[in-house]
Amino acid sequence: MNSDYPSQRAGLTCPFEKLRPSQLVRDDNFFMSLAFNLAVDAWRVDEVPIGAIIIRGGEAIAAAHNEVERANDPTAHAEMLAITQAAKKIGDWRLNDCTLYVTKEPCPMCSGASIMSRLGRVVFGWGDPKMGCLGGATPLHGLPQLNHRLTAQGGVLEAPCREIIQAYFAQKRQRESGTAT
């Protein structure tokens, strides 16, 4: 057992393998696969398995997974970290010509940051009917008084993106209740 992985120390193991998308077709599924792989990395360090990447001109300029527990920071969501990385990479906080790929629909904070950073497009895997703010619980990006519009699209690789989050929390609940084998 490697002590560098808190999830292994806690008895949590990620049953998901990383995806290996073809480099030949760099479409939404390809980029969401990269975000999914970051979600696997998040699980392996006992973070909620959400991954995000930002693409500009067909190339990844930022990549992150949740780091809330490690950083002890409620704002260390994958999307927030990726937005910060992308702005630093291009030297501008305006990410107009960028696309954010994230495995779960962004929460209110991350949806707001996506709008404020002027992302052109947000693509997410699994929609969140309780906390998602790009159409799930509320379409924050559709407020008429906003001065910036982004396009949001959900359902890209929805099944694996939903399954990894559900499995993570099921395993955590099982471990906490002492019913794990």
C-alpha atoms as a PDB file:
ATOM      1  CA  MET A   1       0.000   0.000   0.000  1.00  0.00           C
ATOM      2  CA  ASN A   2       1.379   3.384  -0.995  1.00  0.00           C
ATOM      3  CA  SER A   3       0.963   5.926   1.814  1.00  0.00           C
ATOM      4  CA  ASP A   4       1.017   8.753  -0.760  1.00  0.00           C
ATOM      5  CA  TYR A   5      -2.582   7.901  -1.606  1.00  0.00           C
ATOM      6  CA  PRO A   6      -4.920   8.880   1.252  1.00  0.00           C
ATOM      7  CA  SER A   7      -7.793   6.936  -0.355  1.00  0.00           C
ATOM      8  CA  GLN A   8      -5.776   3.736  -0.065  1.00  0.00           C
ATOM      9  CA  ARG A   9      -4.941   4.492   3.579  1.00  0.00           C
ATOM     10  CA  ALA A  10      -8.665   5.037   4.228  1.00  0.00           C
ATOM     11  CA  GLY A  11      -9.529   1.766   2.494  1.00  0.00           C
ATOM     12  CA  LEU A  12     -11.081   3.422  -0.558  1.00  0.00           C
ATOM     13  CA  THR A  13     -10.044   2.060  -3.926  1.00  0.00           C
ATOM     14  CA  CYS A  14     -11.007   3.453  -7.288  1.00  0.00           C
ATOM     15  CA  PRO A  15     -12.469   0.702  -9.475  1.00  0.00           C
ATOM     16  CA  PHE A  16     -12.438   2.937 -12.566  1.00  0.00           C
ATOM     17  CA  GLU A  17      -9.743   2.731 -15.213  1.00  0.00           C
ATOM     18  CA  LYS A  18      -8.578   5.765 -17.105  1.00  0.00           C
ATOM     19  CA  LEU A  19      -9.988   6.157 -20.594  1.00  0.00           C
ATOM     20  CA  ARG A  20      -7.697   5.985 -23.588  1.00  0.00           C
ATOM     21  CA  PRO A  21      -9.313   8.086 -26.316  1.00  0.00           C
ATOM     22  CA  SER A  22      -7.914   8.159 -29.828  1.00  0.00           C
ATOM     23  CA  GLN A  23      -5.866  11.262 -30.606  1.00  0.00           C
ATOM     24  CA  LEU A  24      -7.227  11.151 -34.148  1.00  0.00           C
ATOM     25  CA  VAL A  25     -10.613  12.658 -33.310  1.00  0.00           C
ATOM     26  CA  ARG A  26     -10.345  15.563 -30.889  1.00  0.00           C
ATOM     27  CA  ASP A  27     -14.043  16.113 -30.273  1.00  0.00           C
ATOM     28  CA  ASP A  28     -16.152  16.645 -27.151  1.00  0.00           C
ATOM     29  CA  ASN A  29     -15.877  12.953 -26.216  1.00  0.00           C
ATOM     30  CA  PHE A  30     -12.086  13.089 -26.490  1.00  0.00           C
ATOM     31  CA  PHE A  31     -11.766  16.136 -24.246  1.00  0.00           C
ATOM     32  CA  MET A  32     -14.322  14.817 -21.750  1.00  0.00           C
ATOM     33  CA  SER A  33     -12.270  11.607 -21.563  1.00  0.00           C
ATOM     34  CA  LEU A  34      -9.315  13.703 -20.446  1.00  0.00           C
ATOM     35  CA  ALA A  35     -11.473  15.349 -17.781  1.00  0.00           C
ATOM     36  CA  PHE A  36     -12.738  11.906 -16.696  1.00  0.00           C
ATOM     37  CA  ASN A  37      -9.141  10.738 -16.256  1.00  0.00           C
ATOM     38  CA  LEU A  38      -8.592  13.655 -13.894  1.00  0.00           C
ATOM     39  CA  ALA A  39     -11.662  12.518 -11.938  1.00  0.00           C
ATOM     40  CA  VAL A  40      -9.988   9.109 -11.539  1.00  0.00           C
ATOM     41  CA  ASP A  41      -6.879  10.910 -10.243  1.00  0.00           C
ATOM     42  CA  ALA A  42      -9.062  12.824  -7.768  1.00  0.00           C
ATOM     43  CA  TRP A  43     -10.557   9.596  -6.387  1.00  0.00           C
ATOM     44  CA  ARG A  44      -7.083   8.125  -5.954  1.00  0.00           C
ATOM     45  CA  VAL A  45      -6.215  10.954  -3.558  1.00  0.00           C
ATOM     46  CA  ASP A  46      -9.610  10.801  -1.826  1.00  0.00           C
ATOM     47  CA  GLU A  47     -11.118  13.885  -3.404  1.00  0.00           C
ATOM     48  CA  VAL A  48     -14.604  13.981  -4.906  1.00  0.00           C
ATOM     49  CA  PRO A  49     -13.943  12.619  -8.419  1.00  0.00           C
ATOM     50  CA  ILE A  50     -14.528  15.627 -10.624  1.00  0.00           C
ATOM     51  CA  GLY A  51     -12.076  16.605 -13.337  1.00  0.00           C
ATOM     52  CA  ALA A  52     -11.888  19.659 -15.583  1.00  0.00           C
ATOM     53  CA  ILE A  53      -9.827  20.803 -18.527  1.00  0.00           C
ATOM     54  CA  ILE A  54      -9.849  23.988 -20.554  1.00  0.00           C
ATOM     55  CA  ILE A  55      -9.209  23.895 -24.283  1.00  0.00           C
ATOM     56  CA  ARG A  56      -8.079  26.758 -26.500  1.00  0.00           C
ATOM     57  CA  GLY A  57      -7.391  26.282 -30.178  1.00  0.00           C
ATOM     58  CA  GLY A  58      -7.754  22.502 -29.862  1.00  0.00           C
ATOM     59  CA  GLU A  59      -5.113  22.205 -27.115  1.00  0.00           C
ATOM     60  CA  ALA A  60      -5.437  21.777 -23.364  1.00  0.00           C
ATOM     61  CA  ILE A  61      -4.205  24.870 -21.527  1.00  0.00           C
ATOM     62  CA  ALA A  62      -5.396  23.861 -18.047  1.00  0.00           C
ATOM     63  CA  ALA A  63      -6.230  20.653 -16.223  1.00  0.00           C
ATOM     64  CA  ALA A  64      -7.338  20.079 -12.636  1.00  0.00           C
ATOM     65  CA  HIS A  65      -9.349  17.888 -10.327  1.00  0.00           C
ATOM     66  CA  ASN A  66     -11.035  18.724  -7.039  1.00  0.00           C
ATOM     67  CA  GLU A  67      -8.605  19.550  -4.254  1.00  0.00           C
ATOM     68  CA  VAL A  68     -11.018  20.728  -1.555  1.00  0.00           C
ATOM     69  CA  GLU A  69      -9.821  18.230   1.068  1.00  0.00           C
ATOM     70  CA  ARG A  70      -6.113  18.488   0.323  1.00  0.00           C
ATOM     71  CA  ALA A  71      -6.140  22.281   0.278  1.00  0.00           C
ATOM     72  CA  ASN A  72      -8.771  22.580   3.025  1.00  0.00           C
ATOM     73  CA  ASP A  73     -10.343  25.147   0.705  1.00  0.00           C
ATOM     74  CA  PRO A  74     -14.038  25.093  -0.234  1.00  0.00           C
ATOM     75  CA  THR A  75     -13.250  26.951  -3.462  1.00  0.00           C
ATOM     76  CA  ALA A  76     -10.722  24.370  -4.720  1.00  0.00           C
ATOM     77  CA  HIS A  77     -13.164  22.847  -7.193  1.00  0.00           C
ATOM     78  CA  ALA A  78     -11.775  21.432 -10.431  1.00  0.00           C
ATOM     79  CA  GLU A  79     -13.384  24.192 -12.487  1.00  0.00           C
ATOM     80  CA  MET A  80     -12.034  27.012 -10.309  1.00  0.00           C
ATOM     81  CA  LEU A  81      -8.514  25.604 -10.380  1.00  0.00           C
ATOM     82  CA  ALA A  82      -8.645  25.099 -14.155  1.00  0.00           C
ATOM     83  CA  ILE A  83      -9.954  28.640 -14.753  1.00  0.00           C
ATOM     84  CA  THR A  84      -7.098  30.084 -12.676  1.00  0.00           C
ATOM     85  CA  GLN A  85      -4.526  27.967 -14.542  1.00  0.00           C
ATOM     86  CA  ALA A  86      -5.937  28.961 -17.949  1.00  0.00           C
ATOM     87  CA  ALA A  87      -5.908  32.682 -17.128  1.00  0.00           C
ATOM     88  CA  LYS A  88      -2.284  32.435 -16.001  1.00  0.00           C
ATOM     89  CA  LYS A  89      -1.350  30.423 -19.087  1.00  0.00           C
ATOM     90  CA  ILE A  90      -2.736  32.939 -21.579  1.00  0.00           C
ATOM     91  CA  GLY A  91      -2.019  36.027 -19.481  1.00  0.00           C
ATOM     92  CA  ASP A  92      -5.609  37.248 -19.514  1.00  0.00           C
ATOM     93  CA  TRP A  93      -8.606  36.621 -17.284  1.00  0.00           C
ATOM     94  CA  ARG A  94     -10.908  36.701 -20.316  1.00  0.00           C
ATOM     95  CA  LEU A  95     -11.272  33.152 -21.610  1.00  0.00           C
ATOM     96  CA  ASN A  96     -13.660  34.017 -24.474  1.00  0.00           C
ATOM     97  CA  ASP A  97     -12.254  31.553 -26.982  1.00  0.00           C
ATOM     98  CA  CYS A  98     -11.891  28.709 -24.480  1.00  0.00           C
ATOM     99  CA  THR A  99     -14.029  25.690 -23.655  1.00  0.00           C
ATOM    100  CA  LEU A 100     -14.287  24.161 -20.198  1.00  0.00           C
ATOM    101  CA  TYR A 101     -14.897  20.401 -20.045  1.00  0.00           C
ATOM    102  CA  VAL A 102     -15.976  19.159 -16.618  1.00  0.00           C
ATOM    103  CA  THR A 103     -17.323  15.784 -15.536  1.00  0.00           C
ATOM    104  CA  LYS A 104     -20.237  17.193 -13.478  1.00  0.00           C
ATOM    105  CA  GLU A 105     -22.412  20.213 -14.092  1.00  0.00           C
ATOM    106  CA  PRO A 106     -20.872  23.206 -12.324  1.00  0.00           C
ATOM    107  CA  CYS A 107     -22.227  24.352  -8.960  1.00  0.00           C
ATOM    108  CA  PRO A 108     -23.332  27.984  -8.383  1.00  0.00           C
ATOM    109  CA  MET A 109     -19.775  29.112  -7.581  1.00  0.00           C
ATOM    110  CA  CYS A 110     -18.198  27.420 -10.606  1.00  0.00           C
ATOM    111  CA  SER A 111     -21.014  28.491 -12.933  1.00  0.00           C
ATOM    112  CA  GLY A 112     -20.522  32.070 -11.787  1.00  0.00           C
ATOM    113  CA  ALA A 113     -16.769  31.825 -12.324  1.00  0.00           C
ATOM    114  CA  SER A 114     -17.373  30.394 -15.807  1.00  0.00           C
ATOM    115  CA  ILE A 115     -19.533  33.382 -16.660  1.00  0.00           C
ATOM    116  CA  MET A 116     -17.206  35.924 -15.005  1.00  0.00           C
ATOM    117  CA  SER A 117     -14.152  34.534 -16.803  1.00  0.00           C
ATOM    118  CA  ARG A 118     -16.074  34.876 -20.061  1.00  0.00           C
ATOM    119  CA  LEU A 119     -15.655  31.270 -21.117  1.00  0.00           C
ATOM    120  CA  GLY A 120     -17.156  30.750 -24.533  1.00  0.00           C
ATOM    121  CA  ARG A 121     -18.476  27.281 -23.827  1.00  0.00           C
ATOM    122  CA  VAL A 122     -18.920  24.830 -20.949  1.00  0.00           C
ATOM    123  CA  VAL A 123     -19.382  21.132 -21.669  1.00  0.00           C
ATOM    124  CA  PHE A 124     -20.265  18.836 -18.789  1.00  0.00           C
ATOM    125  CA  GLY A 125     -20.800  15.137 -18.382  1.00  0.00           C
ATOM    126  CA  TRP A 126     -23.429  14.559 -15.738  1.00  0.00           C
ATOM    127  CA  GLY A 127     -26.117  17.165 -15.048  1.00  0.00           C
ATOM    128  CA  ASP A 128     -26.789  17.969 -11.403  1.00  0.00           C
ATOM    129  CA  PRO A 129     -30.490  18.583 -10.691  1.00  0.00           C
ATOM    130  CA  LYS A 130     -29.783  19.739  -7.103  1.00  0.00           C
ATOM    131  CA  MET A 131     -26.782  22.061  -7.417  1.00  0.00           C
ATOM    132  CA  GLY A 132     -26.073  22.439 -11.127  1.00  0.00           C
ATOM    133  CA  CYS A 133     -26.389  25.992 -12.345  1.00  0.00           C
ATOM    134  CA  LEU A 134     -26.044  25.627 -16.096  1.00  0.00           C
ATOM    135  CA  GLY A 135     -29.487  24.105 -16.518  1.00  0.00           C
ATOM    136  CA  GLY A 136     -29.873  21.514 -13.734  1.00  0.00           C
ATOM    137  CA  ALA A 137     -31.192  23.344 -10.667  1.00  0.00           C
ATOM    138  CA  THR A 138     -31.186  26.687 -12.457  1.00  0.00           C
ATOM    139  CA  PRO A 139     -29.832  28.125 -15.723  1.00  0.00           C
ATOM    140  CA  LEU A 140     -27.619  30.854 -14.232  1.00  0.00           C
ATOM    141  CA  HIS A 141     -26.079  31.545 -17.645  1.00  0.00           C
ATOM    142  CA  GLY A 142     -29.529  32.420 -18.996  1.00  0.00           C
ATOM    143  CA  LEU A 143     -30.162  35.436 -16.782  1.00  0.00           C
ATOM    144  CA  PRO A 144     -31.188  38.258 -19.132  1.00  0.00           C
ATOM    145  CA  GLN A 145     -29.200  40.944 -17.311  1.00  0.00           C
ATOM    146  CA  LEU A 146     -25.831  39.236 -17.849  1.00  0.00           C
ATOM    147  CA  ASN A 147     -23.374  41.049 -20.107  1.00  0.00           C
ATOM    148  CA  HIS A 148     -21.663  37.816 -21.176  1.00  0.00           C
ATOM    149  CA  ARG A 149     -23.252  34.711 -22.646  1.00  0.00           C
ATOM    150  CA  LEU A 150     -21.751  31.270 -22.641  1.00  0.00           C
ATOM    151  CA  THR A 151     -23.002  28.139 -24.299  1.00  0.00           C
ATOM    152  CA  ALA A 152     -23.594  25.151 -22.051  1.00  0.00           C
ATOM    153  CA  GLN A 153     -23.962  21.552 -23.173  1.00  0.00           C
ATOM    154  CA  GLY A 154     -24.466  18.531 -20.957  1.00  0.00           C
ATOM    155  CA  GLY A 155     -24.546  14.786 -21.391  1.00  0.00           C
ATOM    156  CA  VAL A 156     -21.108  14.180 -22.932  1.00  0.00           C
ATOM    157  CA  LEU A 157     -19.906  10.809 -21.557  1.00  0.00           C
ATOM    158  CA  GLU A 158     -22.724  11.160 -19.054  1.00  0.00           C
ATOM    159  CA  ALA A 159     -22.809   7.521 -17.882  1.00  0.00           C
ATOM    160  CA  PRO A 160     -19.175   7.176 -16.759  1.00  0.00           C
ATOM    161  CA  CYS A 161     -19.165  10.688 -15.295  1.00  0.00           C
ATOM    162  CA  ARG A 162     -22.278   9.882 -13.231  1.00  0.00           C
ATOM    163  CA  GLU A 163     -21.107   6.391 -12.279  1.00  0.00           C
ATOM    164  CA  ILE A 164     -17.734   7.469 -10.876  1.00  0.00           C
ATOM    165  CA  ILE A 165     -19.286  10.060  -8.566  1.00  0.00           C
ATOM    166  CA  GLN A 166     -22.064   7.737  -7.412  1.00  0.00           C
ATOM    167  CA  ALA A 167     -19.605   4.877  -6.795  1.00  0.00           C
ATOM    168  CA  TYR A 168     -17.252   7.140  -4.847  1.00  0.00           C
ATOM    169  CA  PHE A 169     -19.968   8.294  -2.455  1.00  0.00           C
ATOM    170  CA  ALA A 170     -21.444   4.785  -2.138  1.00  0.00           C
ATOM    171  CA  GLN A 171     -18.017   3.416  -1.189  1.00  0.00           C
ATOM    172  CA  LYS A 172     -17.436   6.284   1.255  1.00  0.00           C
ATOM    173  CA  ARG A 173     -20.838   5.766   2.923  1.00  0.00           C
ATOM    174  CA  GLN A 174     -20.190   2.032   3.126  1.00  0.00           C
ATOM    175  CA  ARG A 175     -16.770   2.572   4.706  1.00  0.00           C
ATOM    176  CA  GLU A 176     -18.106   5.126   7.203  1.00  0.00           C
ATOM    177  CA  SER A 177     -20.944   2.849   8.269  1.00  0.00           C
ATOM    178  CA  GLY A 178     -18.524  -0.042   8.737  1.00  0.00           C
ATOM    179  CA  THR A 179     -20.312  -2.311   6.263  1.00  0.00           C
ATOM    180  CA  ALA A 180     -17.444  -2.515   3.762  1.00  0.00           C
ATOM    181  CA  THR A 181     -15.955  -5.922   3.164  1.00  0.00           C
END
